[in-house]
Structure formats: C-alpha cells, structure tokens
C-alpha cells in the first residue's frame, strides 16, 4: 500500500512538472518581427506581417535608431486594418525606444515602420510576444 502511494505521488509530480514546463515553453517570450531598415531622404515605410501564437497575449515593440535625423512612426494593425498600437517620435540622434507590454489577442497582425524627414535613418525594429507569467 505504501509503495502504491509513492508511485502515485511520483506520477502526479511528473505530470505537474511536464504541464508547467509545457506552459512555460508555450508562453516564453519570442521575437515575432525583426526588421532592419535604412531609409533615405523623404517618406518611406516598411510593413511586416506577424502572428501572435496561441497562449501569448502581450507584445512589446523595440526600435533602435543607429544613425539619422527624421520623424519615425511604428504601428500594429490587425488584419482588418484597425490600429492596435502606434507611436510617433522625432529623432535627431541614436537612441532606443521600448514600449510597454501591449495586451493583444493571438492572431495575425501587421507591423508598420515608417519615416519622413530630410536625413537618412538607419534603425532596427523588433516585436516580441509573450504570455503567461513571463
């Protein structure tokens, strides 16, 4: 009888550990968009489609400008064109912008990065998604 209780306890422990590991793996932060842009004088934009996986419910946008002086904008829209998030910034030197974690449902989205200005702009933009307790 005592041996059966130990076996049942070990099996339950293994099942719980596997469930926690699987949930952690499914909700762990992952990069959905990694975009390198180099814009010249004038207006230009780059659009990239991405998906937020099941079990993930937040995204964060990071823009790193390495050189250039311009006004840039970044936005996330759903497949119907409805804006979920946007940010506009006048840029005169190298910097990094990082948004708060944005609540979002799993599904398909478009990330748009655009600029307008009298100078060149070189930047990278990254969208990271996560879920759960991360």
C-alpha atoms as a PDB file:
ATOM      1  CA  UNK A   1       0.000   0.000   0.000  1.00  0.00           C
ATOM      2  CA  UNK A   2       2.775   2.404   0.919  1.00  0.00           C
ATOM      3  CA  UNK A   3       4.569   1.645  -2.356  1.00  0.00           C
ATOM      4  CA  UNK A   4       1.412   2.460  -4.376  1.00  0.00           C
ATOM      5  CA  UNK A   5       1.091   5.863  -2.700  1.00  0.00           C
ATOM      6  CA  UNK A   6       4.722   6.667  -3.524  1.00  0.00           C
ATOM      7  CA  UNK A   7       4.251   5.606  -7.163  1.00  0.00           C
ATOM      8  CA  UNK A   8       1.056   7.675  -7.473  1.00  0.00           C
ATOM      9  CA  UNK A   9       2.815  10.669  -5.879  1.00  0.00           C
ATOM     10  CA  UNK A  10       5.744  10.389  -8.309  1.00  0.00           C
ATOM     11  CA  UNK A  11       3.402  10.120 -11.315  1.00  0.00           C
ATOM     12  CA  UNK A  12       1.406  13.169 -10.169  1.00  0.00           C
ATOM     13  CA  UNK A  13       4.636  15.109  -9.634  1.00  0.00           C
ATOM     14  CA  UNK A  14       5.880  14.210 -13.128  1.00  0.00           C
ATOM     15  CA  UNK A  15       2.549  15.216 -14.714  1.00  0.00           C
ATOM     16  CA  UNK A  16       2.598  18.567 -12.895  1.00  0.00           C
ATOM     17  CA  UNK A  17       6.215  19.246 -13.889  1.00  0.00           C
ATOM     18  CA  UNK A  18       5.514  18.381 -17.540  1.00  0.00           C
ATOM     19  CA  UNK A  19       2.431  20.648 -17.549  1.00  0.00           C
ATOM     20  CA  UNK A  20       4.381  23.578 -16.049  1.00  0.00           C
ATOM     21  CA  UNK A  21       7.267  23.053 -18.495  1.00  0.00           C
ATOM     22  CA  UNK A  22       4.894  22.898 -21.480  1.00  0.00           C
ATOM     23  CA  UNK A  23       3.011  26.023 -20.382  1.00  0.00           C
ATOM     24  CA  UNK A  24       6.320  27.842 -19.840  1.00  0.00           C
ATOM     25  CA  UNK A  25       7.566  26.842 -23.282  1.00  0.00           C
ATOM     26  CA  UNK A  26       4.350  27.984 -24.978  1.00  0.00           C
ATOM     27  CA  UNK A  27       4.278  31.363 -23.214  1.00  0.00           C
ATOM     28  CA  UNK A  28       8.022  32.160 -23.224  1.00  0.00           C
ATOM     29  CA  UNK A  29       8.863  35.481 -24.944  1.00  0.00           C
ATOM     30  CA  UNK A  30       9.729  35.146 -28.638  1.00  0.00           C
ATOM     31  CA  UNK A  31      10.637  37.587 -31.377  1.00  0.00           C
ATOM     32  CA  UNK A  32       7.805  37.883 -33.900  1.00  0.00           C
ATOM     33  CA  UNK A  33       9.334  40.644 -36.065  1.00  0.00           C
ATOM     34  CA  UNK A  34      12.977  41.584 -36.544  1.00  0.00           C
ATOM     35  CA  UNK A  35      13.252  44.371 -39.093  1.00  0.00           C
ATOM     36  CA  UNK A  36      16.350  46.247 -40.294  1.00  0.00           C
ATOM     37  CA  UNK A  37      15.571  49.480 -42.156  1.00  0.00           C
ATOM     38  CA  UNK A  38      17.652  52.054 -43.969  1.00  0.00           C
ATOM     39  CA  UNK A  39      15.660  54.979 -45.330  1.00  0.00           C
ATOM     40  CA  UNK A  40      16.934  57.913 -47.367  1.00  0.00           C
ATOM     41  CA  UNK A  41      15.574  61.447 -47.604  1.00  0.00           C
ATOM     42  CA  UNK A  42      11.789  61.643 -47.896  1.00  0.00           C
ATOM     43  CA  UNK A  43       8.931  59.441 -46.803  1.00  0.00           C
ATOM     44  CA  UNK A  44       9.220  55.659 -46.752  1.00  0.00           C
ATOM     45  CA  UNK A  45       7.737  52.722 -44.872  1.00  0.00           C
ATOM     46  CA  UNK A  46       8.190  49.006 -44.333  1.00  0.00           C
ATOM     47  CA  UNK A  47       5.339  46.606 -43.479  1.00  0.00           C
ATOM     48  CA  UNK A  48       5.844  43.152 -41.990  1.00  0.00           C
ATOM     49  CA  UNK A  49       3.126  40.605 -41.204  1.00  0.00           C
ATOM     50  CA  UNK A  50       3.450  38.597 -37.996  1.00  0.00           C
ATOM     51  CA  UNK A  51       1.423  36.238 -35.849  1.00  0.00           C
ATOM     52  CA  UNK A  52       0.894  36.192 -32.110  1.00  0.00           C
ATOM     53  CA  UNK A  53       0.828  32.492 -31.137  1.00  0.00           C
ATOM     54  CA  UNK A  54      -1.831  30.799 -29.063  1.00  0.00           C
ATOM     55  CA  UNK A  55      -1.163  31.198 -25.292  1.00  0.00           C
ATOM     56  CA  UNK A  56       0.523  34.564 -25.904  1.00  0.00           C
ATOM     57  CA  UNK A  57      -1.343  37.757 -25.046  1.00  0.00           C
ATOM     58  CA  UNK A  58       1.169  40.618 -24.952  1.00  0.00           C
ATOM     59  CA  UNK A  59       3.613  42.263 -27.364  1.00  0.00           C
ATOM     60  CA  UNK A  60       6.379  44.804 -26.913  1.00  0.00           C
ATOM     61  CA  UNK A  61       7.920  46.982 -29.619  1.00  0.00           C
ATOM     62  CA  UNK A  62      11.576  47.999 -29.514  1.00  0.00           C
ATOM     63  CA  UNK A  63      13.037  50.487 -32.010  1.00  0.00           C
ATOM     64  CA  UNK A  64      16.784  51.143 -32.063  1.00  0.00           C
ATOM     65  CA  UNK A  65      17.886  54.044 -34.231  1.00  0.00           C
ATOM     66  CA  UNK A  66      21.595  53.855 -35.013  1.00  0.00           C
ATOM     67  CA  UNK A  67      22.002  56.953 -37.226  1.00  0.00           C
ATOM     68  CA  UNK A  68      19.859  59.612 -38.771  1.00  0.00           C
ATOM     69  CA  UNK A  69      17.544  62.510 -38.159  1.00  0.00           C
ATOM     70  CA  UNK A  70      13.911  62.025 -39.079  1.00  0.00           C
ATOM     71  CA  UNK A  71      10.427  61.582 -37.711  1.00  0.00           C
ATOM     72  CA  UNK A  72       9.535  57.912 -37.475  1.00  0.00           C
ATOM     73  CA  UNK A  73       6.388  56.040 -36.626  1.00  0.00           C
ATOM     74  CA  UNK A  74       5.639  52.461 -35.714  1.00  0.00           C
ATOM     75  CA  UNK A  75       2.230  50.835 -35.563  1.00  0.00           C
ATOM     76  CA  UNK A  76       0.494  47.490 -35.175  1.00  0.00           C
ATOM     77  CA  UNK A  77      -2.770  46.856 -37.021  1.00  0.00           C
ATOM     78  CA  UNK A  78      -4.984  43.793 -37.161  1.00  0.00           C
ATOM     79  CA  UNK A  79      -5.858  42.058 -40.441  1.00  0.00           C
ATOM     80  CA  UNK A  80      -8.865  44.383 -40.880  1.00  0.00           C
ATOM     81  CA  UNK A  81      -6.634  47.466 -40.687  1.00  0.00           C
ATOM     82  CA  UNK A  82      -7.764  48.501 -37.203  1.00  0.00           C
ATOM     83  CA  UNK A  83      -4.930  50.109 -35.267  1.00  0.00           C
ATOM     84  CA  UNK A  84      -3.995  48.254 -32.088  1.00  0.00           C
ATOM     85  CA  UNK A  85      -0.965  50.372 -31.122  1.00  0.00           C
ATOM     86  CA  UNK A  86       1.103  53.243 -32.546  1.00  0.00           C
ATOM     87  CA  UNK A  87       3.943  55.558 -31.605  1.00  0.00           C
ATOM     88  CA  UNK A  88       5.496  58.576 -33.343  1.00  0.00           C
ATOM     89  CA  UNK A  89       8.826  60.156 -32.453  1.00  0.00           C
ATOM     90  CA  UNK A  90      11.059  62.918 -33.843  1.00  0.00           C
ATOM     91  CA  UNK A  91      14.558  61.524 -33.965  1.00  0.00           C
ATOM     92  CA  UNK A  92      17.773  63.540 -34.017  1.00  0.00           C
ATOM     93  CA  UNK A  93      20.344  61.083 -32.710  1.00  0.00           C
ATOM     94  CA  UNK A  94      20.816  57.397 -31.973  1.00  0.00           C
ATOM     95  CA  UNK A  95      18.505  56.030 -29.296  1.00  0.00           C
ATOM     96  CA  UNK A  96      16.400  53.043 -28.302  1.00  0.00           C
ATOM     97  CA  UNK A  97      12.648  53.191 -27.705  1.00  0.00           C
ATOM     98  CA  UNK A  98      10.878  50.373 -25.869  1.00  0.00           C
ATOM     99  CA  UNK A  99       7.097  50.285 -25.486  1.00  0.00           C
ATOM    100  CA  UNK A 100       5.174  48.933 -22.542  1.00  0.00           C
ATOM    101  CA  UNK A 101       3.748  45.425 -22.879  1.00  0.00           C
ATOM    102  CA  UNK A 102       0.643  45.789 -25.053  1.00  0.00           C
ATOM    103  CA  UNK A 103      -2.334  43.484 -24.408  1.00  0.00           C
ATOM    104  CA  UNK A 104      -3.244  41.710 -27.636  1.00  0.00           C
ATOM    105  CA  UNK A 105      -5.114  38.570 -28.720  1.00  0.00           C
ATOM    106  CA  UNK A 106      -3.451  35.728 -30.581  1.00  0.00           C
ATOM    107  CA  UNK A 107      -3.821  36.081 -34.346  1.00  0.00           C
ATOM    108  CA  UNK A 108      -2.322  37.797 -37.403  1.00  0.00           C
ATOM    109  CA  UNK A 109      -1.159  41.407 -37.380  1.00  0.00           C
ATOM    110  CA  UNK A 110       0.839  43.888 -39.463  1.00  0.00           C
ATOM    111  CA  UNK A 111       3.759  45.879 -38.098  1.00  0.00           C
ATOM    112  CA  UNK A 112       4.491  49.114 -39.971  1.00  0.00           C
ATOM    113  CA  UNK A 113       7.606  51.224 -39.543  1.00  0.00           C
ATOM    114  CA  UNK A 114       7.766  54.463 -41.478  1.00  0.00           C
ATOM    115  CA  UNK A 115       9.712  57.696 -41.638  1.00  0.00           C
ATOM    116  CA  UNK A 116       9.607  61.167 -43.088  1.00  0.00           C
ATOM    117  CA  UNK A 117      12.481  63.594 -42.926  1.00  0.00           C
ATOM    118  CA  UNK A 118      15.366  65.419 -44.516  1.00  0.00           C
ATOM    119  CA  UNK A 119      18.030  62.959 -43.476  1.00  0.00           C
ATOM    120  CA  UNK A 120      18.859  59.300 -43.671  1.00  0.00           C
ATOM    121  CA  UNK A 121      17.638  56.928 -40.989  1.00  0.00           C
ATOM    122  CA  UNK A 122      19.064  53.535 -40.108  1.00  0.00           C
ATOM    123  CA  UNK A 123      17.204  51.558 -37.494  1.00  0.00           C
ATOM    124  CA  UNK A 124      16.088  48.159 -36.337  1.00  0.00           C
ATOM    125  CA  UNK A 125      12.634  47.318 -35.028  1.00  0.00           C
ATOM    126  CA  UNK A 126      11.671  44.256 -33.047  1.00  0.00           C
ATOM    127  CA  UNK A 127       8.297  42.957 -31.869  1.00  0.00           C
ATOM    128  CA  UNK A 128       8.408  40.441 -29.033  1.00  0.00           C
ATOM    129  CA  UNK A 129       5.383  38.447 -27.882  1.00  0.00           C
ATOM    130  CA  UNK A 130       4.875  36.683 -24.570  1.00  0.00           C
ATOM    131  CA  UNK A 131       2.203  35.155 -22.426  1.00  0.00           C
ATOM    132  CA  UNK A 132       1.551  33.737 -19.007  1.00  0.00           C
ATOM    133  CA  UNK A 133       3.659  34.736 -16.046  1.00  0.00           C
ATOM    134  CA  UNK A 134       6.698  35.957 -18.040  1.00  0.00           C
END
